[in-house]
Amino acid sequence: METELEKKEILRLSNMESNKITRECLQLALMKLMKEKDFDKISITEITKCAGVSRTAFYRNYDSKQAIVEDATQSIFSKLRESLLRYNNNWKAWYVLFFNTVKENKESFKIALEAHIPIAPMSVLDVAFPPANVEEHYTHAAKEATFVRILTDWFNNGMKESPEQMGEICEKILNCM
C-alpha cells in the first residue's frame, strides 16, 4: 500500500512529465508556425491553438514565446559550452564540433536567430577560463563576438563550407587575437 509521501512523489513526477510534454508541444507548434510566418508576427494564442494546450498551460511553462526558443536551444548550447573544457585548448576540434552541431540542429539554430536569441548569452570563455585581468576579459569578449559573427554568416550563407574548413578558419582568425 502506498504511503502519502509516495503518492505525492508519483503526482509530482506525473506533473513533471505532463509539463515536459506540454513544453515539447509548444516548441513543435512554434517551429511549425515559424515555417509559415515571421517569429514577431506569431501570437501566443496561435501557438497554444497549434499545440492544443491552454494559455494557462503555456504560462505554467513559459513567460514568453522567446522563452520557448531559449528552452529548445539551451540544451544544445549547454552541451557545447561543457565540451569546451573537454577539448582542453584543442580549439580547431572544438570549432569543428560547434559547426557540426549547428549543421545537425539547423532548424533550432534558425529559430534562435529569427527570434533574436543570443547564441552566447554569457561569456563562455570567462566561465571556462576565468580571466586574469580586465584585458583578458575583453579579449574573450572580442573572440566570442567574432566567432558568433562568423558562425551566423556561415549559417545565413547556406553553410557551404564544411565544418572542418570553418574550424581551420576560426583557428587562424581567433587564435591570433
N, C-alpha and C. Protein backbone atom coordinates (compact mmCIF):
# COMPACT_ATOMS: atom_id res chain seq x y z
N MET A 1 0.83 -1.17 0.00
CA MET A 1 0.00 0.00 0.00
C MET A 1 0.89 1.25 0.00
N GLU A 2 0.53 2.22 -0.85
CA GLU A 2 1.32 3.44 -0.99
C GLU A 2 1.11 4.37 0.20
N THR A 3 2.22 4.95 0.63
CA THR A 3 2.12 5.94 1.69
C THR A 3 1.74 7.29 1.08
N GLU A 4 1.38 8.21 1.92
CA GLU A 4 1.02 9.56 1.47
C GLU A 4 2.20 10.21 0.74
N LEU A 5 3.41 10.01 1.25
CA LEU A 5 4.62 10.55 0.64
C LEU A 5 4.84 9.95 -0.75
N GLU A 6 4.64 8.67 -0.90
CA GLU A 6 4.81 8.01 -2.19
C GLU A 6 3.78 8.52 -3.20
N LYS A 7 2.56 8.75 -2.75
CA LYS A 7 1.50 9.28 -3.63
C LYS A 7 1.87 10.68 -4.12
N LYS A 8 2.40 11.50 -3.22
CA LYS A 8 2.80 12.85 -3.60
C LYS A 8 3.95 12.80 -4.61
N GLU A 9 4.88 11.89 -4.42
CA GLU A 9 6.00 11.76 -5.34
C GLU A 9 5.52 11.32 -6.72
N ILE A 10 4.59 10.38 -6.76
CA ILE A 10 4.02 9.92 -8.03
C ILE A 10 3.32 11.08 -8.74
N LEU A 11 2.55 11.86 -7.99
CA LEU A 11 1.85 13.01 -8.56
C LEU A 11 2.85 14.06 -9.06
N ARG A 12 3.91 14.30 -8.30
CA ARG A 12 4.93 15.26 -8.72
C ARG A 12 5.58 14.81 -10.02
N LEU A 13 5.94 13.53 -10.11
CA LEU A 13 6.54 13.01 -11.33
C LEU A 13 5.58 13.09 -12.50
N SER A 14 4.31 12.82 -12.25
CA SER A 14 3.28 12.90 -13.28
C SER A 14 3.16 14.34 -13.80
N ASN A 15 3.18 15.31 -12.89
CA ASN A 15 3.11 16.73 -13.28
C ASN A 15 4.34 17.13 -14.08
N MET A 16 5.50 16.66 -13.66
CA MET A 16 6.74 16.98 -14.38
C MET A 16 6.67 16.43 -15.80
N GLU A 17 6.20 15.20 -15.95
CA GLU A 17 6.08 14.58 -17.27
C GLU A 17 5.06 15.33 -18.12
N SER A 18 3.96 15.72 -17.52
CA SER A 18 2.93 16.49 -18.23
C SER A 18 3.49 17.83 -18.70
N ASN A 19 4.23 18.51 -17.85
CA ASN A 19 4.84 19.79 -18.23
C ASN A 19 5.87 19.60 -19.35
N LYS A 20 6.61 18.51 -19.29
CA LYS A 20 7.60 18.23 -20.34
C LYS A 20 6.90 18.03 -21.68
N ILE A 21 5.83 17.29 -21.69
CA ILE A 21 5.07 17.05 -22.92
C ILE A 21 4.48 18.37 -23.43
N THR A 22 3.96 19.18 -22.52
CA THR A 22 3.40 20.49 -22.90
C THR A 22 4.48 21.36 -23.53
N ARG A 23 5.67 21.39 -22.94
CA ARG A 23 6.77 22.20 -23.49
C ARG A 23 7.16 21.71 -24.88
N GLU A 24 7.23 20.39 -25.05
CA GLU A 24 7.56 19.84 -26.37
C GLU A 24 6.51 20.21 -27.41
N CYS A 25 5.23 20.14 -27.03
CA CYS A 25 4.15 20.52 -27.94
C CYS A 25 4.24 22.00 -28.32
N LEU A 26 4.53 22.84 -27.35
CA LEU A 26 4.67 24.28 -27.62
C LEU A 26 5.87 24.56 -28.52
N GLN A 27 6.97 23.85 -28.29
CA GLN A 27 8.16 24.03 -29.13
C GLN A 27 7.86 23.62 -30.57
N LEU A 28 7.23 22.46 -30.74
CA LEU A 28 6.90 21.98 -32.08
C LEU A 28 5.91 22.91 -32.77
N ALA A 29 4.93 23.41 -32.01
CA ALA A 29 3.95 24.33 -32.58
C ALA A 29 4.63 25.61 -33.07
N LEU A 30 5.54 26.14 -32.27
CA LEU A 30 6.24 27.36 -32.67
C LEU A 30 7.08 27.11 -33.91
N MET A 31 7.77 25.99 -33.96
CA MET A 31 8.58 25.66 -35.14
C MET A 31 7.71 25.57 -36.38
N LYS A 32 6.55 24.93 -36.24
CA LYS A 32 5.62 24.81 -37.37
C LYS A 32 5.15 26.18 -37.82
N LEU A 33 4.75 27.02 -36.89
CA LEU A 33 4.26 28.35 -37.23
C LEU A 33 5.34 29.22 -37.85
N MET A 34 6.58 29.04 -37.42
CA MET A 34 7.68 29.86 -37.96
C MET A 34 7.99 29.49 -39.41
N LYS A 35 7.53 28.35 -39.86
CA LYS A 35 7.69 28.00 -41.27
C LYS A 35 6.68 28.77 -42.12
N GLU A 36 5.62 29.24 -41.46
CA GLU A 36 4.55 29.94 -42.16
C GLU A 36 4.66 31.46 -42.06
N LYS A 37 5.22 31.96 -40.97
CA LYS A 37 5.30 33.42 -40.78
C LYS A 37 6.45 33.79 -39.87
N ASP A 38 6.78 35.08 -39.84
CA ASP A 38 7.88 35.58 -39.02
C ASP A 38 7.58 35.41 -37.53
N PHE A 39 8.62 35.18 -36.78
CA PHE A 39 8.52 35.00 -35.33
C PHE A 39 7.76 36.15 -34.68
N ASP A 40 8.09 37.37 -35.05
CA ASP A 40 7.48 38.55 -34.43
C ASP A 40 5.97 38.64 -34.68
N LYS A 41 5.48 37.97 -35.70
CA LYS A 41 4.06 38.06 -36.05
C LYS A 41 3.23 36.91 -35.45
N ILE A 42 3.88 36.01 -34.75
CA ILE A 42 3.19 34.86 -34.15
C ILE A 42 2.72 35.24 -32.75
N SER A 43 1.47 34.97 -32.46
CA SER A 43 0.91 35.28 -31.14
C SER A 43 0.93 34.04 -30.25
N ILE A 44 0.85 34.28 -28.98
CA ILE A 44 0.79 33.17 -28.02
C ILE A 44 -0.49 32.38 -28.24
N THR A 45 -1.57 33.05 -28.60
CA THR A 45 -2.83 32.36 -28.89
C THR A 45 -2.65 31.37 -30.04
N GLU A 46 -1.94 31.79 -31.09
CA GLU A 46 -1.70 30.90 -32.23
C GLU A 46 -0.86 29.69 -31.79
N ILE A 47 0.13 29.95 -30.97
CA ILE A 47 1.00 28.85 -30.50
C ILE A 47 0.19 27.85 -29.69
N THR A 48 -0.63 28.34 -28.75
CA THR A 48 -1.39 27.42 -27.89
C THR A 48 -2.43 26.65 -28.70
N LYS A 49 -3.07 27.30 -29.67
CA LYS A 49 -4.04 26.59 -30.51
C LYS A 49 -3.37 25.49 -31.31
N CYS A 50 -2.23 25.84 -31.91
CA CYS A 50 -1.50 24.86 -32.72
C CYS A 50 -1.00 23.70 -31.86
N ALA A 51 -0.59 24.00 -30.63
CA ALA A 51 -0.07 22.97 -29.73
C ALA A 51 -1.18 22.16 -29.07
N GLY A 52 -2.40 22.72 -29.08
CA GLY A 52 -3.52 22.01 -28.43
C GLY A 52 -3.46 22.10 -26.92
N VAL A 53 -2.95 23.22 -26.41
CA VAL A 53 -2.88 23.42 -24.96
C VAL A 53 -3.51 24.77 -24.61
N SER A 54 -3.82 24.94 -23.37
CA SER A 54 -4.44 26.19 -22.91
C SER A 54 -3.39 27.27 -22.68
N ARG A 55 -3.87 28.52 -22.60
CA ARG A 55 -2.96 29.62 -22.27
C ARG A 55 -2.38 29.42 -20.86
N THR A 56 -3.20 28.86 -19.98
CA THR A 56 -2.72 28.58 -18.61
C THR A 56 -1.54 27.61 -18.66
N ALA A 57 -1.66 26.59 -19.49
CA ALA A 57 -0.56 25.62 -19.63
C ALA A 57 0.67 26.31 -20.20
N PHE A 58 0.45 27.21 -21.15
CA PHE A 58 1.58 27.96 -21.71
C PHE A 58 2.30 28.72 -20.60
N TYR A 59 1.53 29.50 -19.84
CA TYR A 59 2.16 30.35 -18.82
C TYR A 59 2.65 29.57 -17.60
N ARG A 60 2.22 28.35 -17.45
CA ARG A 60 2.76 27.50 -16.40
C ARG A 60 4.18 27.07 -16.76
N ASN A 61 4.48 27.07 -18.06
CA ASN A 61 5.78 26.60 -18.54
C ASN A 61 6.69 27.71 -19.05
N TYR A 62 6.12 28.77 -19.60
CA TYR A 62 6.92 29.83 -20.20
C TYR A 62 6.33 31.19 -19.87
N ASP A 63 7.17 32.20 -19.91
CA ASP A 63 6.65 33.56 -19.70
C ASP A 63 6.61 34.36 -20.99
N SER A 64 7.14 33.79 -22.08
CA SER A 64 7.12 34.47 -23.37
C SER A 64 7.40 33.45 -24.47
N LYS A 65 7.15 33.86 -25.71
CA LYS A 65 7.47 32.95 -26.81
C LYS A 65 8.99 32.84 -27.00
N GLN A 66 9.74 33.90 -26.63
CA GLN A 66 11.20 33.82 -26.67
C GLN A 66 11.71 32.72 -25.75
N ALA A 67 11.03 32.54 -24.62
CA ALA A 67 11.44 31.51 -23.65
C ALA A 67 11.31 30.11 -24.23
N ILE A 68 10.36 29.92 -25.15
CA ILE A 68 10.22 28.62 -25.82
C ILE A 68 11.49 28.33 -26.62
N VAL A 69 11.94 29.32 -27.37
CA VAL A 69 13.13 29.14 -28.20
C VAL A 69 14.36 28.93 -27.33
N GLU A 70 14.47 29.71 -26.27
CA GLU A 70 15.61 29.55 -25.36
C GLU A 70 15.64 28.15 -24.78
N ASP A 71 14.48 27.64 -24.38
CA ASP A 71 14.39 26.30 -23.82
C ASP A 71 14.78 25.25 -24.86
N ALA A 72 14.30 25.42 -26.08
CA ALA A 72 14.58 24.45 -27.14
C ALA A 72 16.06 24.41 -27.51
N THR A 73 16.72 25.54 -27.45
CA THR A 73 18.13 25.59 -27.87
C THR A 73 19.11 25.48 -26.71
N GLN A 74 18.63 25.68 -25.50
CA GLN A 74 19.51 25.71 -24.33
C GLN A 74 20.33 24.43 -24.17
N SER A 75 19.70 23.28 -24.36
CA SER A 75 20.44 22.03 -24.16
C SER A 75 21.57 21.89 -25.17
N ILE A 76 21.33 22.33 -26.40
CA ILE A 76 22.38 22.25 -27.43
C ILE A 76 23.57 23.11 -27.02
N PHE A 77 23.30 24.37 -26.67
CA PHE A 77 24.39 25.28 -26.35
C PHE A 77 25.05 24.94 -25.02
N SER A 78 24.31 24.39 -24.10
CA SER A 78 24.91 23.96 -22.82
C SER A 78 25.94 22.86 -23.06
N LYS A 79 25.58 21.90 -23.90
CA LYS A 79 26.50 20.81 -24.21
C LYS A 79 27.76 21.34 -24.90
N LEU A 80 27.58 22.31 -25.77
CA LEU A 80 28.74 22.89 -26.45
C LEU A 80 29.63 23.64 -25.47
N ARG A 81 29.02 24.37 -24.55
CA ARG A 81 29.82 25.08 -23.54
C ARG A 81 30.60 24.09 -22.68
N GLU A 82 29.92 23.01 -22.27
CA GLU A 82 30.58 21.99 -21.43
C GLU A 82 31.72 21.31 -22.19
N SER A 83 31.53 21.11 -23.48
CA SER A 83 32.55 20.42 -24.28
C SER A 83 33.84 21.23 -24.39
N LEU A 84 33.74 22.53 -24.20
CA LEU A 84 34.92 23.39 -24.30
C LEU A 84 36.02 22.92 -23.36
N LEU A 85 35.65 22.55 -22.16
CA LEU A 85 36.65 22.09 -21.19
C LEU A 85 37.25 20.74 -21.59
N ARG A 86 36.42 19.86 -22.15
CA ARG A 86 36.91 18.54 -22.56
C ARG A 86 37.93 18.63 -23.69
N TYR A 87 37.80 19.64 -24.53
CA TYR A 87 38.72 19.76 -25.66
C TYR A 87 40.05 20.37 -25.26
N ASN A 88 40.15 20.86 -24.04
CA ASN A 88 41.43 21.26 -23.45
C ASN A 88 42.33 22.03 -24.43
N ASN A 89 41.83 23.16 -24.89
CA ASN A 89 42.57 24.05 -25.79
C ASN A 89 42.82 23.48 -27.19
N ASN A 90 42.17 22.39 -27.56
CA ASN A 90 42.22 21.92 -28.94
C ASN A 90 41.12 22.67 -29.68
N TRP A 91 41.41 23.94 -29.97
CA TRP A 91 40.39 24.85 -30.48
C TRP A 91 39.81 24.41 -31.81
N LYS A 92 40.65 23.96 -32.71
CA LYS A 92 40.15 23.56 -34.03
C LYS A 92 39.11 22.45 -33.88
N ALA A 93 39.39 21.46 -33.07
CA ALA A 93 38.44 20.35 -32.87
C ALA A 93 37.13 20.86 -32.27
N TRP A 94 37.26 21.81 -31.33
CA TRP A 94 36.04 22.34 -30.71
C TRP A 94 35.23 23.15 -31.72
N TYR A 95 35.90 23.96 -32.55
CA TYR A 95 35.19 24.72 -33.58
C TYR A 95 34.47 23.77 -34.54
N VAL A 96 35.14 22.71 -34.95
CA VAL A 96 34.53 21.73 -35.85
C VAL A 96 33.29 21.12 -35.19
N LEU A 97 33.42 20.75 -33.93
CA LEU A 97 32.27 20.21 -33.19
C LEU A 97 31.12 21.22 -33.19
N PHE A 98 31.42 22.48 -32.92
CA PHE A 98 30.39 23.51 -32.86
C PHE A 98 29.68 23.64 -34.21
N PHE A 99 30.46 23.75 -35.30
CA PHE A 99 29.85 23.90 -36.63
C PHE A 99 29.05 22.65 -37.01
N ASN A 100 29.56 21.47 -36.68
CA ASN A 100 28.80 20.24 -36.93
C ASN A 100 27.48 20.23 -36.16
N THR A 101 27.54 20.66 -34.90
CA THR A 101 26.34 20.69 -34.07
C THR A 101 25.31 21.65 -34.63
N VAL A 102 25.76 22.81 -35.08
CA VAL A 102 24.83 23.77 -35.68
C VAL A 102 24.21 23.18 -36.94
N LYS A 103 25.04 22.54 -37.76
CA LYS A 103 24.53 21.93 -39.00
C LYS A 103 23.50 20.85 -38.70
N GLU A 104 23.77 20.02 -37.70
CA GLU A 104 22.85 18.95 -37.32
C GLU A 104 21.55 19.48 -36.71
N ASN A 105 21.61 20.66 -36.12
CA ASN A 105 20.45 21.26 -35.45
C ASN A 105 20.05 22.56 -36.14
N LYS A 106 20.13 22.57 -37.46
CA LYS A 106 19.93 23.81 -38.20
C LYS A 106 18.55 24.43 -37.99
N GLU A 107 17.52 23.61 -37.80
CA GLU A 107 16.18 24.16 -37.58
C GLU A 107 16.13 24.94 -36.26
N SER A 108 16.67 24.36 -35.21
CA SER A 108 16.69 25.04 -33.91
C SER A 108 17.53 26.31 -33.97
N PHE A 109 18.65 26.23 -34.66
CA PHE A 109 19.53 27.39 -34.78
C PHE A 109 18.84 28.49 -35.58
N LYS A 110 18.15 28.12 -36.66
CA LYS A 110 17.42 29.09 -37.47
C LYS A 110 16.38 29.82 -36.63
N ILE A 111 15.67 29.05 -35.83
CA ILE A 111 14.64 29.64 -34.97
C ILE A 111 15.27 30.60 -33.96
N ALA A 112 16.39 30.21 -33.39
CA ALA A 112 17.07 31.08 -32.42
C ALA A 112 17.49 32.39 -33.07
N LEU A 113 18.03 32.31 -34.28
CA LEU A 113 18.44 33.53 -34.98
C LEU A 113 17.24 34.42 -35.29
N GLU A 114 16.17 33.81 -35.79
CA GLU A 114 14.98 34.58 -36.15
C GLU A 114 14.31 35.20 -34.92
N ALA A 115 14.44 34.53 -33.78
CA ALA A 115 13.84 35.04 -32.54
C ALA A 115 14.79 35.99 -31.80
N HIS A 116 15.96 36.23 -32.39
CA HIS A 116 16.97 37.12 -31.78
C HIS A 116 17.41 36.64 -30.41
N ILE A 117 17.54 35.32 -30.28
CA ILE A 117 18.03 34.72 -29.04
C ILE A 117 19.55 34.67 -29.13
N PRO A 118 20.26 35.23 -28.15
CA PRO A 118 21.72 35.22 -28.24
C PRO A 118 22.29 33.81 -28.22
N ILE A 119 23.29 33.62 -29.06
CA ILE A 119 23.96 32.32 -29.14
C ILE A 119 24.82 32.09 -27.90
N ALA A 120 25.44 33.14 -27.44
CA ALA A 120 26.27 33.07 -26.24
C ALA A 120 25.78 34.12 -25.25
N PRO A 121 24.71 33.81 -24.48
CA PRO A 121 24.17 34.81 -23.58
C PRO A 121 25.12 35.20 -22.45
N MET A 122 26.11 34.39 -22.20
CA MET A 122 27.11 34.76 -21.20
C MET A 122 28.48 34.41 -21.78
N SER A 123 29.49 34.96 -21.22
CA SER A 123 30.83 34.71 -21.73
C SER A 123 31.24 33.27 -21.46
N VAL A 124 31.30 32.50 -22.52
CA VAL A 124 31.71 31.11 -22.40
C VAL A 124 33.18 31.02 -21.98
N LEU A 125 34.00 31.85 -22.59
CA LEU A 125 35.42 31.81 -22.27
C LEU A 125 35.70 32.25 -20.85
N ASP A 126 35.01 33.29 -20.38
CA ASP A 126 35.22 33.74 -19.00
C ASP A 126 34.84 32.66 -18.00
N VAL A 127 33.81 31.88 -18.32
CA VAL A 127 33.38 30.80 -17.42
C VAL A 127 34.38 29.65 -17.47
N ALA A 128 34.77 29.25 -18.68
CA ALA A 128 35.70 28.11 -18.82
C ALA A 128 37.12 28.47 -18.40
N PHE A 129 37.51 29.69 -18.73
CA PHE A 129 38.87 30.13 -18.45
C PHE A 129 38.81 31.51 -17.79
N PRO A 130 38.62 31.56 -16.48
CA PRO A 130 38.48 32.87 -15.80
C PRO A 130 39.64 33.80 -16.15
N PRO A 131 39.29 35.02 -16.56
CA PRO A 131 40.35 35.96 -16.97
C PRO A 131 41.20 36.41 -15.79
N ALA A 132 42.47 36.58 -16.06
CA ALA A 132 43.41 37.03 -15.02
C ALA A 132 43.34 38.53 -14.81
N ASN A 133 42.84 39.24 -15.84
CA ASN A 133 42.77 40.70 -15.75
C ASN A 133 41.69 41.22 -16.70
N VAL A 134 41.47 42.51 -16.69
CA VAL A 134 40.41 43.12 -17.49
C VAL A 134 40.71 43.00 -18.99
N GLU A 135 41.96 43.08 -19.37
CA GLU A 135 42.33 42.94 -20.79
C GLU A 135 41.96 41.55 -21.31
N GLU A 136 42.22 40.54 -20.51
CA GLU A 136 41.88 39.18 -20.91
C GLU A 136 40.36 39.01 -21.04
N HIS A 137 39.61 39.63 -20.15
CA HIS A 137 38.15 39.59 -20.24
C HIS A 137 37.68 40.17 -21.59
N TYR A 138 38.21 41.33 -21.96
CA TYR A 138 37.79 41.96 -23.21
C TYR A 138 38.31 41.20 -24.43
N THR A 139 39.43 40.53 -24.30
CA THR A 139 39.91 39.66 -25.37
C THR A 139 38.93 38.52 -25.58
N HIS A 140 38.46 37.93 -24.48
CA HIS A 140 37.43 36.88 -24.58
C HIS A 140 36.18 37.42 -25.28
N ALA A 141 35.75 38.60 -24.88
CA ALA A 141 34.54 39.20 -25.47
C ALA A 141 34.72 39.41 -26.97
N ALA A 142 35.89 39.88 -27.39
CA ALA A 142 36.16 40.12 -28.81
C ALA A 142 36.17 38.80 -29.59
N LYS A 143 36.80 37.79 -29.02
CA LYS A 143 36.83 36.49 -29.69
C LYS A 143 35.43 35.91 -29.84
N GLU A 144 34.64 36.00 -28.78
CA GLU A 144 33.28 35.45 -28.84
C GLU A 144 32.42 36.20 -29.85
N ALA A 145 32.53 37.52 -29.88
CA ALA A 145 31.74 38.30 -30.84
C ALA A 145 32.15 37.96 -32.27
N THR A 146 33.45 37.81 -32.49
CA THR A 146 33.94 37.44 -33.82
C THR A 146 33.44 36.05 -34.20
N PHE A 147 33.52 35.12 -33.26
CA PHE A 147 33.07 33.75 -33.54
C PHE A 147 31.58 33.72 -33.87
N VAL A 148 30.77 34.44 -33.10
CA VAL A 148 29.32 34.46 -33.35
C VAL A 148 29.05 35.06 -34.73
N ARG A 149 29.78 36.10 -35.09
CA ARG A 149 29.58 36.72 -36.41
C ARG A 149 29.94 35.74 -37.52
N ILE A 150 31.07 35.04 -37.38
CA ILE A 150 31.49 34.06 -38.38
C ILE A 150 30.44 32.96 -38.50
N LEU A 151 30.02 32.44 -37.37
CA LEU A 151 29.03 31.36 -37.33
C LEU A 151 27.71 31.80 -37.98
N THR A 152 27.25 32.99 -37.65
CA THR A 152 25.99 33.50 -38.20
C THR A 152 26.10 33.72 -39.70
N ASP A 153 27.19 34.30 -40.16
CA ASP A 153 27.38 34.50 -41.60
C ASP A 153 27.41 33.16 -42.34
N TRP A 154 28.14 32.21 -41.80
CA TRP A 154 28.23 30.87 -42.40
C TRP A 154 26.85 30.26 -42.51
N PHE A 155 26.08 30.35 -41.43
CA PHE A 155 24.74 29.79 -41.42
C PHE A 155 23.84 30.49 -42.44
N ASN A 156 23.84 31.82 -42.41
CA ASN A 156 22.97 32.59 -43.30
C ASN A 156 23.35 32.45 -44.77
N ASN A 157 24.61 32.11 -45.04
CA ASN A 157 25.07 31.92 -46.42
C ASN A 157 24.92 30.47 -46.90
N GLY A 158 24.19 29.67 -46.14
CA GLY A 158 23.89 28.32 -46.59
C GLY A 158 24.85 27.23 -46.17
N MET A 159 25.73 27.52 -45.23
CA MET A 159 26.67 26.52 -44.69
C MET A 159 27.42 25.79 -45.79
N LYS A 160 27.93 26.55 -46.77
CA LYS A 160 28.60 25.96 -47.94
C LYS A 160 29.95 25.34 -47.57
N GLU A 161 30.66 26.00 -46.68
CA GLU A 161 31.96 25.46 -46.26
C GLU A 161 31.73 24.34 -45.25
N SER A 162 32.60 23.36 -45.26
CA SER A 162 32.46 22.24 -44.33
C SER A 162 32.80 22.70 -42.91
N PRO A 163 32.28 22.00 -41.91
CA PRO A 163 32.68 22.33 -40.53
C PRO A 163 34.20 22.27 -40.33
N GLU A 164 34.86 21.37 -41.03
CA GLU A 164 36.32 21.28 -40.93
C GLU A 164 36.98 22.55 -41.47
N GLN A 165 36.50 23.04 -42.62
CA GLN A 165 37.03 24.30 -43.17
C GLN A 165 36.79 25.44 -42.20
N MET A 166 35.60 25.48 -41.63
CA MET A 166 35.27 26.56 -40.70
C MET A 166 36.13 26.47 -39.44
N GLY A 167 36.42 25.24 -39.01
CA GLY A 167 37.30 25.06 -37.86
C GLY A 167 38.68 25.63 -38.11
N GLU A 168 39.21 25.39 -39.32
CA GLU A 168 40.53 25.93 -39.69
C GLU A 168 40.49 27.45 -39.74
N ILE A 169 39.44 28.00 -40.35
CA ILE A 169 39.32 29.45 -40.45
C ILE A 169 39.26 30.09 -39.06
N CYS A 170 38.41 29.53 -38.20
CA CYS A 170 38.29 30.09 -36.85
C CYS A 170 39.59 29.98 -36.06
N GLU A 171 40.26 28.83 -36.22
CA GLU A 171 41.53 28.66 -35.51
C GLU A 171 42.53 29.74 -35.93
N LYS A 172 42.62 30.00 -37.23
CA LYS A 172 43.54 31.03 -37.72
C LYS A 172 43.17 32.41 -37.23
N ILE A 173 41.89 32.75 -37.36
CA ILE A 173 41.46 34.11 -37.02
C ILE A 173 41.44 34.33 -35.50
N LEU A 174 40.83 33.42 -34.78
CA LEU A 174 40.59 33.65 -33.35
C LEU A 174 41.80 33.37 -32.47
N ASN A 175 42.64 32.47 -32.87
CA ASN A 175 43.79 32.16 -32.02
C ASN A 175 44.90 33.18 -32.15
N CYS A 176 44.79 34.08 -33.12
CA CYS A 176 45.81 35.13 -33.21
C CYS A 176 45.34 36.40 -32.52
N MET A 177 44.13 36.39 -31.98
CA MET A 177 43.62 37.57 -31.29
C MET A 177 44.16 37.63 -29.87
